[in-house]
Amino acid sequence: MKKLLFIFFISLGLFTSCVENPEEDPDPLPPPGNVTAYAGDLAFSSTSSQVVINNVSMSLKATQADGSFFKITLPESPIFGTYTWSLYDAASPGFYLAYFENEGAVPFVAERDNIGDFAAFPSYIDTAELTIFGIDRANKRVSGSFRFTGVRFTDDTQTAIETKEIAFGQFLNLPYTTVAVVDPVNTTVRVKKITDTDADGTVSTIEYFYNGNKIAYAIDSDGLRMNIIYDGDLIAREEWFQGTTMVEKIIYSYENSKLVTYQDLNLVDNIGQKITYDHNANGTISFTEYRGDLTTQDEIESTGTISNTKLVRNRIDPITLEPQVFTNTFTTDGKNNPFKNIVGYDKMYFADSEEALNYLNNITTNTEQIDAEPSTLFETITYTYGTGNLANYPTTVVHNSGSGVEEYTEEIEYY
C-alpha cells in the first residue's frame, strides 16, 4: 500500500507540513457538526453519524432523515492530506466511498476507472477524493471534505451503468470513537452453514466456526474438518483432518502481506501442488503452477494471469503437445460475497481458484474460450438475496451449465 503523499501549504503566513497533526484542545470546544453534500441535485444533511478512528483505519457512516446515507473508510489511520485511488495498490481493500439511497439499496460507489468492472465504460471517470484537514485527538473530533462519482450497474446484465455526482461533501468537528468499527458493510455477517443439493438430490453441508471474524475451523457432512491457522491477520495454514488423521495441508506464504506461494500437500496420495504468484504494477497477478510429490513440486503444469474480469491459463495439450490458451471471462453481481468479512480472506481468496480478482462480489457468468475459437458460455449463476441485516448477501445460489441445465443449488445461512 502506498503511503499518503503529504500536502504542504502556506495559509496566512502559517506553514504546515504533512505530518501527524499535533494534539489540539481548543477552548471553547466547538459544537459537533454534521455531514453535508450534494448527491446529484439533492442536498444531503446528516441527522446522525458514527465515526471510528484507530491505529489502522478510519470509518464513517452518516445518515439523514429520509434514510439515505454515506459510508466512507480509509485503510489506515488518517493524517492531514488528500487520499485518492492512486495511493493504493489495485488489490488493496479499504478505500471506500459510497452513497446509499436507502438501507438495502445498491450503492453508488467510487470505483477505479482504469481497471475493474467499470473500466470498460468510457463514460465513467473516477473523481474520488477524500481530504482530512482537521483532527483534534484530545477531544476526538475530525474534519474533512470529499467528492466522488458514484457508479453502479443498471441491472444484473452489467451491460449499462448509471452514475451520481457527489459534490461539496464536508464533515466538520465530527466526534469519533476508537472502540467500535463502522464498516462500509455489516462486518458481523459471517457464513454459518452452506447446504449443497446436486441435480440428483444428493445433499451435503459444511458448517463454519469463528473466533471473532477469523475462521477457526469448518466441518462438512462427511466429518472432514478444516482447521485454519493464522499468522497475525493472515491465513497461514489449513489443516484437514478425517477423524484424528491429517489428510491434507495447505500452506500460504506472503511477502509484504501479499500472497506469493500456495502449497497444497495431499498426505494420502503423496501428491504436491505449488503455485507461485507475482503481483504486477497494473493490478493483475501472474502465476506459475507446479506439480510433484510432498517433498518437491517442480514440474510446470500451467502459467497464466488473473485480472479483475479474466483468468488466462497457458497449458500444453497432453495429446498433441501443442500449447493452448484458455481464457475465462467473468461478470459479477455487484452484491456482497458471503466471505468478504473474513479476516485474511482478501489476501488469499484467489489461491488455486478458477475465478477473477474480485473478493467483494459474486460471479454471475463464466464464459470460456480456447485459443482463438469462439467463446462459449460455461456457467451462469443466479442469486436470491437476504433482507435487513443480510441485505445484498446471497441466501440461495443456483448454478446452471452454459446450456441452462441446473447443476446444483446452495442454501447459505449466516450468523
Protein backbone atom coordinates (compact mmCIF):
# COMPACT_ATOMS: atom_id res chain seq x y z
CA MET A 1 0.00 0.00 0.00
CA LYS A 2 1.40 3.34 -0.96
CA LYS A 3 1.81 5.87 1.79
CA LEU A 4 -0.19 9.04 1.73
CA LEU A 5 1.54 11.76 -0.26
CA PHE A 6 1.79 14.66 2.11
CA ILE A 7 0.38 18.09 1.26
CA PHE A 8 2.34 21.20 2.02
CA PHE A 9 0.57 24.52 2.06
CA ILE A 10 1.03 28.09 3.21
CA SER A 11 -2.01 29.93 4.52
CA LEU A 12 -1.91 33.39 6.03
CA GLY A 13 1.80 33.03 6.61
CA LEU A 14 1.42 29.74 8.56
CA PHE A 15 3.46 26.82 7.24
CA THR A 16 2.05 23.35 7.99
CA SER A 17 3.82 20.17 6.93
CA CYS A 18 2.04 16.91 6.16
CA VAL A 19 2.95 15.04 9.27
CA GLU A 20 0.84 13.77 12.09
CA ASN A 21 -1.08 16.74 13.41
CA PRO A 22 -0.41 17.89 16.98
CA GLU A 23 -2.79 17.38 19.86
CA GLU A 24 -5.44 20.05 19.93
CA ASP A 25 -7.58 21.23 22.79
CA PRO A 26 -9.49 24.28 21.59
CA ASP A 27 -11.12 26.46 24.20
CA PRO A 28 -14.04 26.67 23.96
CA LEU A 29 -14.70 23.34 22.17
CA PRO A 30 -16.82 23.98 19.04
CA PRO A 31 -20.16 22.15 18.87
CA PRO A 32 -20.30 18.88 16.90
CA GLY A 33 -21.03 19.35 13.23
CA ASN A 34 -22.60 17.02 10.69
CA VAL A 35 -22.04 15.72 7.16
CA THR A 36 -23.30 17.73 4.19
CA ALA A 37 -23.05 17.09 0.46
CA TYR A 38 -24.91 17.15 -2.83
CA ALA A 39 -25.91 13.77 -4.29
CA GLY A 40 -26.73 14.84 -7.80
CA ASP A 41 -29.23 17.67 -7.37
CA LEU A 42 -30.27 16.56 -3.89
CA ALA A 43 -28.87 18.30 -0.83
CA PHE A 44 -27.77 15.92 1.94
CA SER A 45 -27.50 16.92 5.60
CA SER A 46 -26.95 14.16 8.14
CA THR A 47 -29.01 13.82 11.30
CA SER A 48 -26.74 11.13 12.79
CA SER A 49 -23.19 9.97 12.28
CA GLN A 50 -20.77 7.33 13.51
CA VAL A 51 -17.02 7.73 13.13
CA VAL A 52 -14.25 5.40 14.23
CA ILE A 53 -10.55 6.22 14.07
CA ASN A 54 -7.96 3.79 15.39
CA ASN A 55 -4.35 2.92 14.65
CA VAL A 56 -5.11 1.16 11.37
CA SER A 57 -8.24 2.67 9.84
CA MET A 58 -10.96 5.31 9.74
CA SER A 59 -14.63 4.64 9.04
CA LEU A 60 -17.62 6.95 8.84
CA LYS A 61 -21.34 6.47 8.37
CA ALA A 62 -23.66 9.48 8.13
CA THR A 63 -27.45 9.19 7.75
CA GLN A 64 -30.08 11.81 7.03
CA ALA A 65 -33.79 11.79 7.92
CA ASP A 66 -35.01 10.15 4.68
CA GLY A 67 -32.80 7.09 5.29
CA SER A 68 -30.12 7.85 2.71
CA PHE A 69 -26.54 7.67 3.95
CA PHE A 70 -22.85 7.86 3.13
CA LYS A 71 -20.18 5.34 4.10
CA ILE A 72 -16.51 6.23 3.92
CA THR A 73 -13.48 4.22 5.01
CA LEU A 74 -9.70 4.52 4.90
CA PRO A 75 -7.39 1.50 5.31
CA GLU A 76 -5.05 3.50 7.56
CA SER A 77 -5.24 5.97 10.40
CA PRO A 78 -5.86 9.39 8.84
CA ILE A 79 -3.44 12.31 8.85
CA PHE A 80 -3.65 15.71 7.20
CA GLY A 81 -3.79 15.33 3.43
CA THR A 82 -5.76 14.11 0.43
CA TYR A 83 -6.44 10.46 -0.37
CA THR A 84 -7.22 9.10 -3.85
CA TRP A 85 -7.17 5.70 -5.56
CA SER A 86 -3.64 6.37 -6.81
CA LEU A 87 -2.29 5.91 -3.29
CA TYR A 88 -3.32 2.27 -3.05
CA ASP A 89 -2.44 -0.98 -4.79
CA ALA A 90 -5.14 -2.35 -7.08
CA ALA A 91 -5.75 -5.34 -4.83
CA SER A 92 -5.77 -3.30 -1.64
CA PRO A 93 -9.21 -3.12 0.01
CA GLY A 94 -10.45 -0.48 2.40
CA PHE A 95 -10.57 2.82 0.48
CA TYR A 96 -14.32 3.16 0.10
CA LEU A 97 -16.74 5.99 -0.63
CA ALA A 98 -20.38 5.15 -1.24
CA TYR A 99 -23.82 6.76 -1.28
CA PHE A 100 -26.88 4.65 -0.41
CA GLU A 101 -30.33 5.92 -1.32
CA ASN A 102 -31.79 3.73 1.43
CA GLU A 103 -30.93 0.72 3.57
CA GLY A 104 -30.59 -2.31 1.29
CA ALA A 105 -30.22 -0.28 -1.91
CA VAL A 106 -27.35 -0.97 -4.30
CA PRO A 107 -24.99 1.93 -3.58
CA PHE A 108 -23.33 4.40 -5.89
CA VAL A 109 -19.67 3.59 -5.20
CA ALA A 110 -16.40 5.29 -6.07
CA GLU A 111 -14.54 2.84 -8.31
CA ARG A 112 -11.36 2.87 -10.32
CA ASP A 113 -11.85 3.77 -13.99
CA ASN A 114 -8.70 2.12 -15.35
CA ILE A 115 -9.20 -1.42 -14.03
CA GLY A 116 -12.10 -3.37 -12.63
CA ASP A 117 -15.74 -3.88 -13.56
CA PHE A 118 -16.28 -0.30 -14.78
CA ALA A 119 -13.11 0.21 -16.82
CA ALA A 120 -14.97 -0.86 -19.97
CA PHE A 121 -17.37 2.10 -19.71
CA PRO A 122 -15.72 5.28 -21.12
CA SER A 123 -18.49 7.44 -19.65
CA TYR A 124 -17.33 6.62 -16.12
CA ILE A 125 -14.49 8.85 -14.86
CA ASP A 126 -13.10 8.41 -11.36
CA THR A 127 -13.08 11.60 -9.28
CA ALA A 128 -12.77 10.09 -5.79
CA GLU A 129 -11.03 12.34 -3.31
CA LEU A 130 -11.08 12.44 0.49
CA THR A 131 -9.27 15.24 2.33
CA ILE A 132 -8.59 15.37 6.05
CA PHE A 133 -7.94 18.94 7.21
CA GLY A 134 -8.57 18.68 10.93
CA ILE A 135 -8.06 16.11 13.69
CA ASP A 136 -8.45 17.02 17.36
CA ARG A 137 -7.16 13.92 19.08
CA ALA A 138 -7.57 15.37 22.57
CA ASN A 139 -11.32 15.85 22.14
CA LYS A 140 -11.74 13.22 19.40
CA ARG A 141 -13.06 15.39 16.59
CA VAL A 142 -12.33 15.09 12.86
CA SER A 143 -13.00 17.41 9.89
CA GLY A 144 -12.63 16.88 6.18
CA SER A 145 -14.15 17.01 2.72
CA PHE A 146 -14.94 14.55 -0.04
CA ARG A 147 -16.22 14.15 -3.56
CA PHE A 148 -16.61 11.27 -5.98
CA THR A 149 -18.52 9.98 -8.96
CA GLY A 150 -20.61 7.08 -7.72
CA VAL A 151 -21.32 4.29 -10.20
CA ARG A 152 -23.44 1.15 -10.30
CA PHE A 153 -24.86 -1.23 -12.90
CA THR A 154 -28.42 -0.58 -14.04
CA ASP A 155 -29.33 -4.29 -13.80
CA ASP A 156 -27.86 -7.76 -13.38
CA THR A 157 -26.75 -7.99 -17.03
CA GLN A 158 -24.00 -5.47 -16.24
CA THR A 159 -24.20 -4.03 -19.74
CA ALA A 160 -25.07 -0.47 -18.70
CA ILE A 161 -24.21 1.84 -15.82
CA GLU A 162 -25.63 4.87 -14.08
CA THR A 163 -23.65 7.46 -12.14
CA LYS A 164 -24.29 10.08 -9.50
CA GLU A 165 -22.02 13.03 -8.83
CA ILE A 166 -21.27 13.54 -5.15
CA ALA A 167 -20.06 17.12 -4.70
CA PHE A 168 -19.20 19.58 -1.94
CA GLY A 169 -19.04 16.81 0.67
CA GLN A 170 -17.90 18.08 4.06
CA PHE A 171 -17.80 16.98 7.68
CA LEU A 172 -16.88 19.40 10.46
CA ASN A 173 -15.96 18.59 14.06
CA LEU A 174 -17.48 15.12 13.93
CA PRO A 175 -16.98 13.23 17.22
CA TYR A 176 -15.25 9.90 16.83
CA THR A 177 -14.52 6.85 18.94
CA THR A 178 -11.67 4.35 18.89
CA VAL A 179 -13.67 1.35 20.05
CA ALA A 180 -16.41 0.19 17.67
CA VAL A 181 -15.92 -0.47 13.98
CA VAL A 182 -18.17 1.12 11.37
CA ASP A 183 -17.51 -0.57 8.06
CA PRO A 184 -18.80 0.00 4.54
CA VAL A 185 -20.89 -3.11 5.00
CA ASN A 186 -22.05 -5.06 8.03
CA THR A 187 -18.85 -6.85 9.08
CA THR A 188 -20.68 -9.02 11.59
CA VAL A 189 -22.21 -11.05 8.74
CA ARG A 190 -20.42 -14.40 8.51
CA VAL A 191 -21.34 -17.67 6.84
CA LYS A 192 -22.71 -20.23 9.29
CA LYS A 193 -23.68 -23.13 7.05
CA ILE A 194 -23.83 -23.97 3.34
CA THR A 195 -26.10 -26.76 2.11
CA ASP A 196 -25.43 -28.07 -1.40
CA THR A 197 -28.07 -30.02 -3.30
CA ASP A 198 -26.96 -31.71 -6.52
CA ALA A 199 -29.21 -32.23 -9.52
CA ASP A 200 -29.76 -35.83 -8.44
CA GLY A 201 -30.91 -34.72 -4.97
CA THR A 202 -27.69 -35.54 -3.09
CA VAL A 203 -27.28 -33.17 -0.14
CA SER A 204 -24.02 -32.15 1.55
CA THR A 205 -23.26 -29.48 4.13
CA ILE A 206 -20.36 -27.55 5.58
CA GLU A 207 -20.52 -25.53 8.81
CA TYR A 208 -18.16 -22.71 9.80
CA PHE A 209 -16.99 -21.67 13.26
CA TYR A 210 -15.20 -18.44 14.17
CA ASN A 211 -13.06 -16.59 16.62
CA GLY A 212 -14.38 -13.08 16.03
CA ASN A 213 -14.17 -12.56 12.26
CA LYS A 214 -11.44 -15.17 11.88
CA ILE A 215 -12.42 -18.66 10.75
CA ALA A 216 -11.36 -21.16 13.40
CA TYR A 217 -12.50 -24.35 11.67
CA ALA A 218 -15.13 -25.87 9.39
CA ILE A 219 -16.73 -29.34 9.32
CA ASP A 220 -18.52 -30.97 6.40
CA SER A 221 -21.25 -33.60 6.47
CA ASP A 222 -18.69 -36.39 5.87
CA GLY A 223 -16.84 -35.46 9.05
CA LEU A 224 -13.89 -33.80 7.27
CA ARG A 225 -12.61 -30.96 9.46
CA MET A 226 -10.60 -27.97 8.25
CA ASN A 227 -8.58 -26.09 10.88
CA ILE A 228 -7.40 -22.58 9.99
CA ILE A 229 -4.16 -21.25 11.48
CA TYR A 230 -3.48 -17.51 11.34
CA ASP A 231 -0.23 -15.57 11.49
CA GLY A 232 -1.48 -12.25 12.78
CA ASP A 233 -4.30 -11.32 10.40
CA LEU A 234 -3.01 -13.52 7.55
CA ILE A 235 -4.29 -17.04 6.91
CA ALA A 236 -1.10 -19.08 7.12
CA ARG A 237 -2.24 -22.70 7.02
CA GLU A 238 -5.17 -25.05 6.52
CA GLU A 239 -5.01 -28.49 8.11
CA TRP A 240 -7.60 -31.06 7.02
CA PHE A 241 -8.46 -34.00 9.29
CA GLN A 242 -10.55 -37.12 8.81
CA GLY A 243 -11.10 -38.16 12.40
CA THR A 244 -7.70 -37.73 14.04
CA THR A 245 -5.71 -38.26 10.83
CA MET A 246 -4.39 -35.27 8.91
CA VAL A 247 -5.11 -35.93 5.24
CA GLU A 248 -4.15 -32.60 3.65
CA LYS A 249 -2.19 -29.47 4.46
CA ILE A 250 -2.25 -26.12 2.65
CA ILE A 251 0.44 -23.51 3.30
CA TYR A 252 0.19 -19.82 2.36
CA SER A 253 3.35 -17.70 2.19
CA TYR A 254 3.36 -13.90 1.96
CA GLU A 255 5.73 -11.03 1.28
CA ASN A 256 4.61 -7.58 2.44
CA SER A 257 1.16 -9.08 3.14
CA LYS A 258 0.83 -10.26 -0.48
CA LEU A 259 0.43 -13.95 -1.24
CA VAL A 260 3.46 -15.26 -3.13
CA THR A 261 3.20 -19.05 -2.70
CA TYR A 262 0.36 -21.52 -2.30
CA GLN A 263 1.31 -25.11 -1.46
CA ASP A 264 -1.20 -27.98 -1.26
CA LEU A 265 0.08 -31.29 0.12
CA ASN A 266 -2.18 -34.34 -0.21
CA LEU A 267 -0.84 -36.58 2.55
CA VAL A 268 -2.93 -39.59 1.49
CA ASP A 269 -1.95 -39.78 -2.18
CA ASN A 270 1.56 -38.27 -1.77
CA ILE A 271 0.76 -35.51 -4.27
CA GLY A 272 2.02 -31.94 -4.01
CA GLN A 273 0.93 -28.79 -5.81
CA LYS A 274 2.60 -25.39 -5.67
CA ILE A 275 1.55 -22.09 -7.23
CA THR A 276 3.75 -19.01 -7.18
CA TYR A 277 2.30 -15.52 -7.64
CA ASP A 278 3.75 -12.25 -8.93
CA HIS A 279 1.78 -9.08 -8.18
CA ASN A 280 2.08 -6.79 -11.21
CA ALA A 281 2.08 -2.99 -11.23
CA ASN A 282 -1.15 -2.88 -13.27
CA GLY A 283 -3.09 -4.78 -10.61
CA THR A 284 -3.03 -8.19 -12.32
CA ILE A 285 -1.43 -11.28 -10.78
CA SER A 286 0.75 -13.70 -12.77
CA PHE A 287 1.09 -17.30 -11.64
CA THR A 288 3.01 -20.48 -12.33
CA GLU A 289 1.55 -23.83 -11.24
CA TYR A 290 3.76 -26.81 -10.39
CA ARG A 291 3.07 -30.47 -9.61
CA GLY A 292 5.12 -33.06 -7.75
CA ASP A 293 5.21 -35.07 -4.55
CA LEU A 294 5.16 -33.99 -0.91
CA THR A 295 8.83 -33.02 -0.99
CA THR A 296 9.32 -31.32 -4.34
CA GLN A 297 6.98 -29.62 -6.76
CA ASP A 298 8.98 -28.61 -9.84
CA GLU A 299 7.01 -29.85 -12.85
CA ILE A 300 5.33 -26.88 -14.51
CA GLU A 301 1.69 -27.57 -15.29
CA SER A 302 0.47 -24.14 -16.35
CA THR A 303 1.16 -20.42 -16.29
CA GLY A 304 -1.21 -17.51 -16.53
CA THR A 305 -2.56 -14.17 -15.43
CA ILE A 306 -5.55 -13.18 -13.30
CA SER A 307 -7.25 -9.79 -13.66
CA ASN A 308 -10.46 -8.26 -12.33
CA THR A 309 -12.53 -9.87 -15.09
CA LYS A 310 -10.42 -12.63 -16.65
CA LEU A 311 -8.39 -15.74 -15.92
CA VAL A 312 -5.93 -16.64 -18.69
CA ARG A 313 -4.19 -20.00 -18.39
CA ASN A 314 -1.47 -21.41 -20.69
CA ARG A 315 -1.12 -25.20 -20.91
CA ILE A 316 0.40 -27.87 -23.12
CA ASP A 317 -2.20 -30.17 -24.67
CA PRO A 318 -1.37 -33.64 -23.25
CA ILE A 319 -2.27 -35.34 -26.55
CA THR A 320 -0.99 -33.02 -29.27
CA LEU A 321 1.72 -31.45 -27.09
CA GLU A 322 0.75 -28.12 -28.62
CA PRO A 323 0.41 -25.01 -26.42
CA GLN A 324 -3.13 -23.92 -25.61
CA VAL A 325 -4.54 -20.75 -24.10
CA PHE A 326 -7.71 -20.96 -22.01
CA THR A 327 -9.46 -17.65 -21.30
CA ASN A 328 -12.32 -17.37 -18.84
CA THR A 329 -14.23 -14.08 -18.66
CA PHE A 330 -16.47 -13.30 -15.69
CA THR A 331 -19.27 -10.92 -14.80
CA THR A 332 -20.34 -10.21 -11.22
CA ASP A 333 -23.45 -9.03 -9.42
CA GLY A 334 -22.10 -6.02 -7.51
CA LYS A 335 -23.50 -7.55 -4.29
CA ASN A 336 -21.75 -8.98 -1.22
CA ASN A 337 -19.57 -12.08 -1.39
CA PRO A 338 -20.56 -14.27 1.62
CA PHE A 339 -16.94 -14.44 2.84
CA LYS A 340 -15.89 -10.82 2.29
CA ASN A 341 -15.86 -10.02 6.03
CA ILE A 342 -13.48 -12.84 6.99
CA VAL A 343 -10.12 -11.62 8.25
CA GLY A 344 -7.38 -12.54 5.78
CA TYR A 345 -9.73 -13.70 3.03
CA ASP A 346 -8.91 -10.69 0.84
CA LYS A 347 -5.22 -11.68 0.79
CA MET A 348 -5.57 -15.30 -0.39
CA TYR A 349 -9.01 -15.84 -1.95
CA PHE A 350 -7.57 -16.21 -5.47
CA ALA A 351 -5.25 -19.08 -4.49
CA ASP A 352 -5.85 -22.15 -6.67
CA SER A 353 -9.09 -20.59 -7.87
CA GLU A 354 -10.78 -20.64 -11.26
CA GLU A 355 -12.06 -17.09 -10.88
CA ALA A 356 -11.08 -13.47 -11.45
CA LEU A 357 -9.74 -10.96 -8.92
CA ASN A 358 -12.82 -9.92 -7.00
CA TYR A 359 -13.37 -10.98 -3.41
CA LEU A 360 -16.18 -8.47 -2.79
CA ASN A 361 -18.83 -9.66 -5.26
CA ASN A 362 -20.32 -12.84 -6.73
CA ILE A 363 -19.85 -14.32 -10.20
CA THR A 364 -22.94 -14.34 -12.44
CA THR A 365 -21.50 -15.66 -15.73
CA ASN A 366 -18.37 -17.55 -16.78
CA THR A 367 -17.52 -17.58 -20.50
CA GLU A 368 -14.73 -19.84 -21.77
CA GLN A 369 -12.56 -19.52 -24.87
CA ILE A 370 -9.82 -21.88 -26.09
CA ASP A 371 -7.15 -20.25 -28.23
CA ALA A 372 -8.89 -18.19 -30.95
CA GLU A 373 -12.02 -20.36 -31.08
CA PRO A 374 -15.42 -18.74 -30.50
CA SER A 375 -16.16 -18.29 -26.81
CA THR A 376 -18.90 -20.34 -25.18
CA LEU A 377 -20.98 -19.76 -22.07
CA PHE A 378 -19.63 -22.18 -19.48
CA GLU A 379 -21.81 -21.36 -16.45
CA THR A 380 -24.49 -18.98 -15.23
CA ILE A 381 -25.19 -18.37 -11.55
CA THR A 382 -28.32 -16.74 -10.16
CA TYR A 383 -28.83 -15.42 -6.63
CA THR A 384 -31.57 -14.72 -4.16
CA TYR A 385 -30.52 -12.10 -1.63
CA GLY A 386 -31.39 -11.56 2.01
CA THR A 387 -33.07 -8.57 3.59
CA GLY A 388 -32.46 -6.43 6.65
CA ASN A 389 -29.09 -7.30 8.16
CA LEU A 390 -28.44 -9.65 5.22
CA ALA A 391 -29.32 -7.13 2.52
CA ASN A 392 -27.31 -7.87 -0.66
CA TYR A 393 -25.90 -11.12 0.78
CA PRO A 394 -26.86 -14.23 -1.23
CA THR A 395 -29.03 -16.76 0.58
CA THR A 396 -29.77 -19.06 -2.36
CA VAL A 397 -27.38 -19.72 -5.23
CA VAL A 398 -28.34 -21.72 -8.34
CA HIS A 399 -25.56 -22.97 -10.62
CA ASN A 400 -26.51 -23.73 -14.22
CA SER A 401 -24.42 -25.07 -17.07
CA GLY A 402 -23.93 -22.96 -20.15
CA SER A 403 -26.81 -24.82 -21.79
CA GLY A 404 -29.10 -23.89 -18.91
CA VAL A 405 -29.16 -27.23 -17.08
CA GLU A 406 -29.27 -26.83 -13.31
CA GLU A 407 -26.21 -28.48 -11.76
CA TYR A 408 -26.55 -27.72 -8.06
CA THR A 409 -28.04 -25.29 -5.57
CA GLU A 410 -26.54 -23.71 -2.45
CA GLU A 411 -28.51 -22.53 0.59
CA ILE A 412 -26.42 -20.16 2.73
CA GLU A 413 -27.14 -19.45 6.38
CA TYR A 414 -25.41 -16.67 8.30
CA TYR A 415 -24.58 -15.74 11.88
